[in-house]
Amino acid sequence: NYRVPKGVNVVSPHFYLCQQEKYFSQADKFIPERWLKSDDGKQP
């Protein structure tokens, strides 16, 4: 809902976003398993 004119830079701060619990549970933890299918076949 924000109008962004041509020529304006838009920044996606994925370092900040990747630390948010709304996107990753236990976001501050090193949990490689979050990228894998679980043992019961559920999507990561």
All heavy atoms as atom14 arrays in JSON, in Angstrom:
{
  "sequence": "NYRVPKGVNVVSPHFYLCQQEKYFSQADKFIPERWLKSDDGKQP",
  "atom14_mask": [
    [1, 1, 1, 1, 1, 1, 1, 1, 0, 0, 0, 0, 0, 0],
    [1, 1, 1, 1, 1, 1, 1, 1, 1, 1, 1, 1, 0, 0],
    [1, 1, 1, 1, 1, 1, 1, 1, 1, 1, 1, 0, 0, 0],
    [1, 1, 1, 1, 1, 1, 1, 0, 0, 0, 0, 0, 0, 0],
    [1, 1, 1, 1, 1, 1, 1, 0, 0, 0, 0, 0, 0, 0],
    [1, 1, 1, 1, 1, 1, 1, 1, 1, 0, 0, 0, 0, 0],
    [1, 1, 1, 1, 0, 0, 0, 0, 0, 0, 0, 0, 0, 0],
    [1, 1, 1, 1, 1, 1, 1, 0, 0, 0, 0, 0, 0, 0],
    [1, 1, 1, 1, 1, 1, 1, 1, 0, 0, 0, 0, 0, 0],
    [1, 1, 1, 1, 1, 1, 1, 0, 0, 0, 0, 0, 0, 0],
    [1, 1, 1, 1, 1, 1, 1, 0, 0, 0, 0, 0, 0, 0],
    [1, 1, 1, 1, 1, 1, 0, 0, 0, 0, 0, 0, 0, 0],
    [1, 1, 1, 1, 1, 1, 1, 0, 0, 0, 0, 0, 0, 0],
    [1, 1, 1, 1, 1, 1, 1, 1, 1, 1, 0, 0, 0, 0],
    [1, 1, 1, 1, 1, 1, 1, 1, 1, 1, 1, 0, 0, 0],
    [1, 1, 1, 1, 1, 1, 1, 1, 1, 1, 1, 1, 0, 0],
    [1, 1, 1, 1, 1, 1, 1, 1, 0, 0, 0, 0, 0, 0],
    [1, 1, 1, 1, 1, 1, 0, 0, 0, 0, 0, 0, 0, 0],
    [1, 1, 1, 1, 1, 1, 1, 1, 1, 0, 0, 0, 0, 0],
    [1, 1, 1, 1, 1, 1, 1, 1, 1, 0, 0, 0, 0, 0],
    [1, 1, 1, 1, 1, 1, 1, 1, 1, 0, 0, 0, 0, 0],
    [1, 1, 1, 1, 1, 1, 1, 1, 1, 0, 0, 0, 0, 0],
    [1, 1, 1, 1, 1, 1, 1, 1, 1, 1, 1, 1, 0, 0],
    [1, 1, 1, 1, 1, 1, 1, 1, 1, 1, 1, 0, 0, 0],
    [1, 1, 1, 1, 1, 1, 0, 0, 0, 0, 0, 0, 0, 0],
    [1, 1, 1, 1, 1, 1, 1, 1, 1, 0, 0, 0, 0, 0],
    [1, 1, 1, 1, 1, 0, 0, 0, 0, 0, 0, 0, 0, 0],
    [1, 1, 1, 1, 1, 1, 1, 1, 0, 0, 0, 0, 0, 0],
    [1, 1, 1, 1, 1, 1, 1, 1, 1, 0, 0, 0, 0, 0],
    [1, 1, 1, 1, 1, 1, 1, 1, 1, 1, 1, 0, 0, 0],
    [1, 1, 1, 1, 1, 1, 1, 1, 0, 0, 0, 0, 0, 0],
    [1, 1, 1, 1, 1, 1, 1, 0, 0, 0, 0, 0, 0, 0],
    [1, 1, 1, 1, 1, 1, 1, 1, 1, 0, 0, 0, 0, 0],
    [1, 1, 1, 1, 1, 1, 1, 1, 1, 1, 1, 0, 0, 0],
    [1, 1, 1, 1, 1, 1, 1, 1, 1, 1, 1, 1, 1, 1],
    [1, 1, 1, 1, 1, 1, 1, 1, 0, 0, 0, 0, 0, 0],
    [1, 1, 1, 1, 1, 1, 1, 1, 1, 0, 0, 0, 0, 0],
    [1, 1, 1, 1, 1, 1, 0, 0, 0, 0, 0, 0, 0, 0],
    [1, 1, 1, 1, 1, 1, 1, 1, 0, 0, 0, 0, 0, 0],
    [1, 1, 1, 1, 1, 1, 1, 1, 0, 0, 0, 0, 0, 0],
    [1, 1, 1, 1, 0, 0, 0, 0, 0, 0, 0, 0, 0, 0],
    [1, 1, 1, 1, 1, 1, 1, 1, 1, 0, 0, 0, 0, 0],
    [1, 1, 1, 1, 1, 1, 1, 1, 1, 0, 0, 0, 0, 0],
    [1, 1, 1, 1, 1, 1, 1, 0, 0, 0, 0, 0, 0, 0]
  ],
  "atom14_positions": [
    [[0.81, -1.23, 0.0], [0.0, 0.0, 0.0], [0.84, 1.28, 0.0], [0.3, 2.37, 0.22], [-0.97, 0.03, 1.2], [-2.02, -1.06, 1.11], [-2.5, -1.38, 0.01], [-2.39, -1.63, 2.24], [0.0, 0.0, 0.0], [0.0, 0.0, 0.0], [0.0, 0.0, 0.0], [0.0, 0.0, 0.0], [0.0, 0.0, 0.0], [0.0, 0.0, 0.0]],
    [[2.14, 1.15, -0.25], [3.0, 2.33, -0.4], [3.38, 2.48, -1.87], [3.81, 1.52, -2.51], [4.27, 2.2, 0.44], [4.05, 2.33, 1.93], [3.81, 1.21, 2.71], [4.09, 3.58, 2.54], [3.61, 1.31, 4.08], [3.89, 3.7, 3.9], [3.65, 2.57, 4.67], [3.45, 2.69, 6.03], [0.0, 0.0, 0.0], [0.0, 0.0, 0.0]],
    [[3.23, 3.69, -2.38], [3.64, 3.96, -3.75], [5.13, 4.23, -3.78], [5.63, 5.12, -3.1], [2.88, 5.16, -4.32], [3.27, 5.52, -5.76], [2.49, 6.73, -6.26], [2.95, 7.14, -7.59], [3.98, 7.94, -7.8], [4.65, 8.44, -6.77], [4.34, 8.26, -9.04], [0.0, 0.0, 0.0], [0.0, 0.0, 0.0], [0.0, 0.0, 0.0]],
    [[5.84, 3.45, -4.56], [7.28, 3.6, -4.67], [7.6, 4.07, -6.08], [7.38, 3.34, -7.06], [8.02, 2.27, -4.38], [9.52, 2.47, -4.45], [7.61, 1.71, -3.03], [0.0, 0.0, 0.0], [0.0, 0.0, 0.0], [0.0, 0.0, 0.0], [0.0, 0.0, 0.0], [0.0, 0.0, 0.0], [0.0, 0.0, 0.0], [0.0, 0.0, 0.0]],
    [[8.13, 5.29, -6.24], [8.39, 5.82, -7.59], [9.57, 5.12, -8.27], [10.45, 4.56, -7.63], [8.73, 7.3, -7.33], [8.28, 7.57, -5.92], [8.39, 6.29, -5.2], [0.0, 0.0, 0.0], [0.0, 0.0, 0.0], [0.0, 0.0, 0.0], [0.0, 0.0, 0.0], [0.0, 0.0, 0.0], [0.0, 0.0, 0.0], [0.0, 0.0, 0.0]],
    [[9.56, 5.19, -9.57], [10.68, 4.69, -10.36], [11.98, 5.39, -9.94], [11.99, 6.59, -9.66], [10.4, 4.95, -11.84], [11.54, 4.59, -12.78], [11.2, 4.93, -14.22], [12.36, 4.64, -15.15], [12.05, 4.98, -16.57], [0.0, 0.0, 0.0], [0.0, 0.0, 0.0], [0.0, 0.0, 0.0], [0.0, 0.0, 0.0], [0.0, 0.0, 0.0]],
    [[13.07, 4.62, -9.89], [14.37, 5.19, -9.54], [14.7, 5.17, -8.07], [15.82, 5.48, -7.69], [0.0, 0.0, 0.0], [0.0, 0.0, 0.0], [0.0, 0.0, 0.0], [0.0, 0.0, 0.0], [0.0, 0.0, 0.0], [0.0, 0.0, 0.0], [0.0, 0.0, 0.0], [0.0, 0.0, 0.0], [0.0, 0.0, 0.0], [0.0, 0.0, 0.0]],
    [[13.74, 4.78, -7.22], [13.97, 4.71, -5.78], [14.54, 3.33, -5.42], [14.09, 2.32, -5.94], [12.68, 4.98, -5.0], [12.86, 4.66, -3.52], [12.23, 6.42, -5.17], [0.0, 0.0, 0.0], [0.0, 0.0, 0.0], [0.0, 0.0, 0.0], [0.0, 0.0, 0.0], [0.0, 0.0, 0.0], [0.0, 0.0, 0.0], [0.0, 0.0, 0.0]],
    [[15.52, 3.32, -4.54], [16.1, 2.04, -4.09], [15.23, 1.43, -2.99], [14.81, 2.11, -2.06], [17.51, 2.25, -3.54], [18.52, 2.52, -4.63], [18.38, 2.05, -5.75], [19.55, 3.29, -4.3], [0.0, 0.0, 0.0], [0.0, 0.0, 0.0], [0.0, 0.0, 0.0], [0.0, 0.0, 0.0], [0.0, 0.0, 0.0], [0.0, 0.0, 0.0]],
    [[14.98, 0.14, -3.12], [14.25, -0.61, -2.1], [15.2, -1.63, -1.49], [15.88, -2.37, -2.2], [13.02, -1.33, -2.71], [12.36, -2.24, -1.68], [12.01, -0.31, -3.22], [0.0, 0.0, 0.0], [0.0, 0.0, 0.0], [0.0, 0.0, 0.0], [0.0, 0.0, 0.0], [0.0, 0.0, 0.0], [0.0, 0.0, 0.0], [0.0, 0.0, 0.0]],
    [[15.26, -1.64, -0.16], [16.19, -2.51, 0.56], [15.43, -3.65, 1.22], [14.43, -3.42, 1.91], [16.97, -1.71, 1.63], [17.89, -2.64, 2.42], [17.76, -0.58, 0.99], [0.0, 0.0, 0.0], [0.0, 0.0, 0.0], [0.0, 0.0, 0.0], [0.0, 0.0, 0.0], [0.0, 0.0, 0.0], [0.0, 0.0, 0.0], [0.0, 0.0, 0.0]],
    [[15.9, -4.86, 1.01], [15.36, -6.03, 1.7], [16.39, -6.48, 2.75], [17.42, -7.06, 2.4], [15.08, -7.16, 0.7], [14.65, -8.33, 1.39], [0.0, 0.0, 0.0], [0.0, 0.0, 0.0], [0.0, 0.0, 0.0], [0.0, 0.0, 0.0], [0.0, 0.0, 0.0], [0.0, 0.0, 0.0], [0.0, 0.0, 0.0], [0.0, 0.0, 0.0]],
    [[16.13, -6.2, 4.03], [17.12, -6.51, 5.08], [17.02, -7.95, 5.56], [16.55, -8.22, 6.67], [16.74, -5.52, 6.18], [15.24, -5.4, 6.04], [14.94, -5.54, 4.57], [0.0, 0.0, 0.0], [0.0, 0.0, 0.0], [0.0, 0.0, 0.0], [0.0, 0.0, 0.0], [0.0, 0.0, 0.0], [0.0, 0.0, 0.0], [0.0, 0.0, 0.0]],
    [[17.46, -8.91, 4.74], [17.22, -10.31, 5.09], [17.99, -10.75, 6.33], [17.58, -11.7, 7.0], [17.5, -11.24, 3.91], [18.82, -11.04, 3.25], [18.98, -10.29, 2.13], [20.05, -11.5, 3.57], [20.25, -10.31, 1.77], [20.92, -11.01, 2.62], [0.0, 0.0, 0.0], [0.0, 0.0, 0.0], [0.0, 0.0, 0.0], [0.0, 0.0, 0.0]],
    [[19.08, -10.08, 6.69], [19.77, -10.4, 7.94], [18.82, -10.18, 9.12], [18.68, -11.04, 10.01], [21.02, -9.55, 8.08], [21.82, -9.82, 9.33], [21.8, -11.07, 9.93], [22.63, -8.85, 9.87], [22.54, -11.32, 11.07], [23.38, -9.09, 11.01], [23.34, -10.32, 11.61], [0.0, 0.0, 0.0], [0.0, 0.0, 0.0], [0.0, 0.0, 0.0]],
    [[18.13, -9.05, 9.11], [17.16, -8.74, 10.17], [15.97, -9.69, 10.1], [15.53, -10.24, 11.12], [16.71, -7.29, 10.03], [15.52, -6.93, 10.9], [15.68, -6.68, 12.26], [14.24, -6.85, 10.35], [14.59, -6.37, 13.06], [13.15, -6.53, 11.14], [13.32, -6.3, 12.5], [12.23, -6.0, 13.28], [0.0, 0.0, 0.0], [0.0, 0.0, 0.0]],
    [[15.44, -9.9, 8.9], [14.25, -10.73, 8.76], [14.51, -12.17, 9.21], [13.64, -12.8, 9.82], [13.79, -10.73, 7.3], [13.32, -9.39, 6.73], [13.03, -9.51, 5.24], [12.07, -8.91, 7.47], [0.0, 0.0, 0.0], [0.0, 0.0, 0.0], [0.0, 0.0, 0.0], [0.0, 0.0, 0.0], [0.0, 0.0, 0.0], [0.0, 0.0, 0.0]],
    [[15.71, -12.67, 8.92], [16.02, -14.07, 9.26], [16.17, -14.29, 10.76], [16.26, -15.44, 11.21], [17.29, -14.51, 8.54], [17.04, -14.87, 6.79], [0.0, 0.0, 0.0], [0.0, 0.0, 0.0], [0.0, 0.0, 0.0], [0.0, 0.0, 0.0], [0.0, 0.0, 0.0], [0.0, 0.0, 0.0], [0.0, 0.0, 0.0], [0.0, 0.0, 0.0]],
    [[16.23, -13.21, 11.54], [16.32, -13.34, 13.0], [14.94, -13.25, 13.67], [14.87, -13.3, 14.9], [17.22, -12.23, 13.56], [18.55, -12.05, 12.86], [19.43, -13.26, 12.87], [19.57, -13.88, 13.92], [19.98, -13.63, 11.73], [0.0, 0.0, 0.0], [0.0, 0.0, 0.0], [0.0, 0.0, 0.0], [0.0, 0.0, 0.0], [0.0, 0.0, 0.0]],
    [[13.89, -13.14, 12.88], [12.56, -12.93, 13.44], [11.82, -14.25, 13.65], [11.77, -15.1, 12.77], [11.73, -12.03, 12.52], [12.38, -10.69, 12.22], [12.66, -9.9, 13.47], [11.76, -9.62, 14.26], [13.93, -9.53, 13.65], [0.0, 0.0, 0.0], [0.0, 0.0, 0.0], [0.0, 0.0, 0.0], [0.0, 0.0, 0.0], [0.0, 0.0, 0.0]],
    [[11.21, -14.39, 14.85], [10.48, -15.62, 15.17], [9.26, -15.81, 14.26], [8.81, -16.93, 14.08], [10.03, -15.57, 16.63], [11.16, -15.7, 17.64], [11.73, -17.1, 17.69], [10.98, -18.08, 17.46], [12.94, -17.24, 17.97], [0.0, 0.0, 0.0], [0.0, 0.0, 0.0], [0.0, 0.0, 0.0], [0.0, 0.0, 0.0], [0.0, 0.0, 0.0]],
    [[8.75, -14.74, 13.69], [7.6, -14.87, 12.8], [7.94, -15.64, 11.54], [7.05, -16.16, 10.86], [7.03, -13.5, 12.46], [7.95, -12.61, 11.65], [7.33, -11.24, 11.39], [6.15, -11.32, 10.46], [5.65, -9.98, 10.07], [0.0, 0.0, 0.0], [0.0, 0.0, 0.0], [0.0, 0.0, 0.0], [0.0, 0.0, 0.0], [0.0, 0.0, 0.0]],
    [[9.23, -15.69, 11.21], [9.66, -16.41, 10.0], [10.36, -17.72, 10.32], [10.24, -18.69, 9.55], [10.58, -15.51, 9.18], [9.93, -14.25, 8.69], [10.38, -12.99, 9.09], [8.82, -14.3, 7.84], [9.77, -11.83, 8.64], [8.21, -13.14, 7.39], [8.69, -11.91, 7.8], [8.08, -10.75, 7.36], [0.0, 0.0, 0.0], [0.0, 0.0, 0.0]],
    [[11.11, -17.77, 11.43], [11.84, -18.98, 11.79], [11.7, -19.23, 13.28], [12.0, -18.33, 14.08], [13.34, -18.86, 11.45], [13.64, -18.7, 9.98], [13.88, -17.45, 9.44], [13.67, -19.8, 9.14], [14.16, -17.29, 8.09], [13.94, -19.67, 7.79], [14.18, -18.41, 7.27], [0.0, 0.0, 0.0], [0.0, 0.0, 0.0], [0.0, 0.0, 0.0]],
    [[11.26, -20.41, 13.66], [11.2, -20.73, 15.07], [12.62, -20.88, 15.62], [13.52, -21.34, 14.91], [10.42, -22.04, 15.29], [11.06, -23.12, 14.64], [0.0, 0.0, 0.0], [0.0, 0.0, 0.0], [0.0, 0.0, 0.0], [0.0, 0.0, 0.0], [0.0, 0.0, 0.0], [0.0, 0.0, 0.0], [0.0, 0.0, 0.0], [0.0, 0.0, 0.0]],
    [[12.79, -20.46, 16.89], [14.12, -20.43, 17.49], [15.13, -19.8, 16.52], [16.16, -20.38, 16.19], [14.57, -21.84, 17.89], [13.63, -22.55, 18.86], [14.14, -23.91, 19.26], [15.1, -24.02, 20.03], [13.5, -24.96, 18.76], [0.0, 0.0, 0.0], [0.0, 0.0, 0.0], [0.0, 0.0, 0.0], [0.0, 0.0, 0.0], [0.0, 0.0, 0.0]],
    [[14.8, -18.62, 16.09], [15.53, -17.97, 15.0], [16.99, -17.71, 15.33], [17.81, -17.59, 14.43], [14.84, -16.64, 14.64], [0.0, 0.0, 0.0], [0.0, 0.0, 0.0], [0.0, 0.0, 0.0], [0.0, 0.0, 0.0], [0.0, 0.0, 0.0], [0.0, 0.0, 0.0], [0.0, 0.0, 0.0], [0.0, 0.0, 0.0], [0.0, 0.0, 0.0]],
    [[17.33, -17.63, 16.61], [18.72, -17.36, 16.99], [19.55, -18.63, 17.13], [20.72, -18.56, 17.49], [18.77, -16.55, 18.28], [18.17, -17.3, 19.46], [17.32, -18.19, 19.23], [18.53, -17.0, 20.61], [0.0, 0.0, 0.0], [0.0, 0.0, 0.0], [0.0, 0.0, 0.0], [0.0, 0.0, 0.0], [0.0, 0.0, 0.0], [0.0, 0.0, 0.0]],
    [[18.95, -19.78, 16.86], [19.62, -21.06, 17.03], [20.07, -21.63, 15.69], [19.42, -21.45, 14.67], [18.71, -22.08, 17.73], [18.14, -21.62, 19.05], [19.22, -21.43, 20.1], [18.6, -21.06, 21.46], [19.63, -20.8, 22.5], [0.0, 0.0, 0.0], [0.0, 0.0, 0.0], [0.0, 0.0, 0.0], [0.0, 0.0, 0.0], [0.0, 0.0, 0.0]],
    [[21.2, -22.35, 15.73], [21.7, -23.05, 14.56], [21.0, -24.4, 14.49], [21.32, -25.33, 15.24], [23.21, -23.23, 14.67], [23.84, -23.99, 13.53], [23.84, -23.47, 12.24], [24.45, -25.22, 13.76], [24.43, -24.17, 11.19], [25.05, -25.92, 12.72], [25.03, -25.4, 11.44], [0.0, 0.0, 0.0], [0.0, 0.0, 0.0], [0.0, 0.0, 0.0]],
    [[20.0, -24.49, 13.6], [19.2, -25.71, 13.48], [19.1, -26.08, 12.0], [18.15, -25.71, 11.3], [17.78, -25.52, 14.07], [17.87, -24.98, 15.5], [16.99, -26.83, 14.04], [16.53, -24.69, 16.14], [0.0, 0.0, 0.0], [0.0, 0.0, 0.0], [0.0, 0.0, 0.0], [0.0, 0.0, 0.0], [0.0, 0.0, 0.0], [0.0, 0.0, 0.0]],
    [[20.07, -26.8, 11.48], [20.05, -27.17, 10.06], [18.82, -27.98, 9.67], [18.37, -27.94, 8.52], [21.33, -28.0, 9.89], [22.22, -27.55, 11.01], [21.31, -27.24, 12.15], [0.0, 0.0, 0.0], [0.0, 0.0, 0.0], [0.0, 0.0, 0.0], [0.0, 0.0, 0.0], [0.0, 0.0, 0.0], [0.0, 0.0, 0.0], [0.0, 0.0, 0.0]],
    [[18.25, -28.72, 10.64], [17.09, -29.57, 10.35], [15.9, -28.78, 9.84], [15.01, -29.36, 9.19], [16.68, -30.35, 11.61], [17.65, -31.43, 12.03], [18.88, -30.89, 12.77], [18.94, -29.67, 13.03], [19.77, -31.69, 13.09], [0.0, 0.0, 0.0], [0.0, 0.0, 0.0], [0.0, 0.0, 0.0], [0.0, 0.0, 0.0], [0.0, 0.0, 0.0]],
    [[15.86, -27.48, 10.09], [14.73, -26.68, 9.63], [14.64, -26.68, 8.1], [13.59, -26.36, 7.54], [14.82, -25.26, 10.18], [15.91, -24.41, 9.58], [15.85, -22.97, 10.07], [16.49, -22.76, 11.35], [15.84, -22.42, 12.46], [14.53, -22.26, 12.44], [16.5, -22.23, 13.6], [0.0, 0.0, 0.0], [0.0, 0.0, 0.0], [0.0, 0.0, 0.0]],
    [[15.73, -27.03, 7.41], [15.76, -27.02, 5.96], [15.46, -28.39, 5.35], [15.45, -28.53, 4.12], [17.13, -26.55, 5.46], [17.45, -25.16, 5.92], [18.17, -24.82, 7.02], [17.06, -23.94, 5.31], [18.24, -23.45, 7.15], [17.57, -22.88, 6.11], [16.32, -23.61, 4.17], [17.37, -21.54, 5.8], [16.13, -22.28, 3.86], [16.65, -21.26, 4.66]],
    [[15.21, -29.39, 6.2], [15.02, -30.76, 5.73], [13.62, -31.26, 6.01], [12.95, -30.8, 6.94], [16.03, -31.69, 6.42], [17.51, -31.36, 6.28], [18.33, -32.28, 7.17], [17.95, -31.47, 4.83], [0.0, 0.0, 0.0], [0.0, 0.0, 0.0], [0.0, 0.0, 0.0], [0.0, 0.0, 0.0], [0.0, 0.0, 0.0], [0.0, 0.0, 0.0]],
    [[13.19, -32.22, 5.22], [11.95, -32.92, 5.53], [12.11, -33.68, 6.84], [13.17, -34.22, 7.13], [11.58, -33.9, 4.41], [11.05, -33.26, 3.14], [10.61, -34.33, 2.15], [10.03, -33.7, 0.89], [9.56, -34.72, -0.09], [0.0, 0.0, 0.0], [0.0, 0.0, 0.0], [0.0, 0.0, 0.0], [0.0, 0.0, 0.0], [0.0, 0.0, 0.0]],
    [[11.03, -33.73, 7.62], [11.09, -34.46, 8.87], [11.01, -35.96, 8.59], [10.73, -36.39, 7.47], [9.94, -34.04, 9.79], [8.69, -34.26, 9.15], [0.0, 0.0, 0.0], [0.0, 0.0, 0.0], [0.0, 0.0, 0.0], [0.0, 0.0, 0.0], [0.0, 0.0, 0.0], [0.0, 0.0, 0.0], [0.0, 0.0, 0.0], [0.0, 0.0, 0.0]],
    [[11.26, -36.77, 9.63], [11.25, -38.22, 9.46], [9.9, -38.75, 9.0], [9.83, -39.8, 8.36], [11.65, -38.9, 10.78], [13.1, -38.61, 11.15], [13.89, -38.29, 10.23], [13.44, -38.7, 12.34], [0.0, 0.0, 0.0], [0.0, 0.0, 0.0], [0.0, 0.0, 0.0], [0.0, 0.0, 0.0], [0.0, 0.0, 0.0], [0.0, 0.0, 0.0]],
    [[8.82, -38.03, 9.34], [7.49, -38.48, 8.91], [7.11, -37.94, 7.53], [5.97, -38.08, 7.09], [6.43, -38.09, 9.94], [6.4, -36.58, 10.18], [7.07, -35.82, 9.45], [5.7, -36.15, 11.13], [0.0, 0.0, 0.0], [0.0, 0.0, 0.0], [0.0, 0.0, 0.0], [0.0, 0.0, 0.0], [0.0, 0.0, 0.0], [0.0, 0.0, 0.0]],
    [[8.09, -37.31, 6.84], [7.85, -36.86, 5.48], [7.26, -35.47, 5.35], [7.0, -35.0, 4.24], [0.0, 0.0, 0.0], [0.0, 0.0, 0.0], [0.0, 0.0, 0.0], [0.0, 0.0, 0.0], [0.0, 0.0, 0.0], [0.0, 0.0, 0.0], [0.0, 0.0, 0.0], [0.0, 0.0, 0.0], [0.0, 0.0, 0.0], [0.0, 0.0, 0.0]],
    [[7.04, -34.79, 6.48], [6.48, -33.45, 6.42], [7.48, -32.48, 5.8], [8.68, -32.63, 5.93], [6.09, -32.97, 7.82], [4.91, -33.71, 8.42], [4.54, -33.13, 9.77], [3.33, -33.85, 10.36], [2.97, -33.3, 11.71], [0.0, 0.0, 0.0], [0.0, 0.0, 0.0], [0.0, 0.0, 0.0], [0.0, 0.0, 0.0], [0.0, 0.0, 0.0]],
    [[6.96, -31.47, 5.12], [7.81, -30.47, 4.49], [8.59, -29.69, 5.55], [8.14, -29.53, 6.69], [6.97, -29.5, 3.66], [6.38, -30.1, 2.41], [7.45, -30.5, 1.41], [8.42, -29.78, 1.19], [7.28, -31.67, 0.82], [0.0, 0.0, 0.0], [0.0, 0.0, 0.0], [0.0, 0.0, 0.0], [0.0, 0.0, 0.0], [0.0, 0.0, 0.0]],
    [[9.78, -29.23, 5.21], [10.56, -28.47, 6.19], [9.88, -27.17, 6.58], [9.06, -26.63, 5.83], [11.88, -28.2, 5.45], [11.55, -28.34, 4.0], [10.47, -29.37, 3.92], [0.0, 0.0, 0.0], [0.0, 0.0, 0.0], [0.0, 0.0, 0.0], [0.0, 0.0, 0.0], [0.0, 0.0, 0.0], [0.0, 0.0, 0.0], [0.0, 0.0, 0.0]]
  ]
}
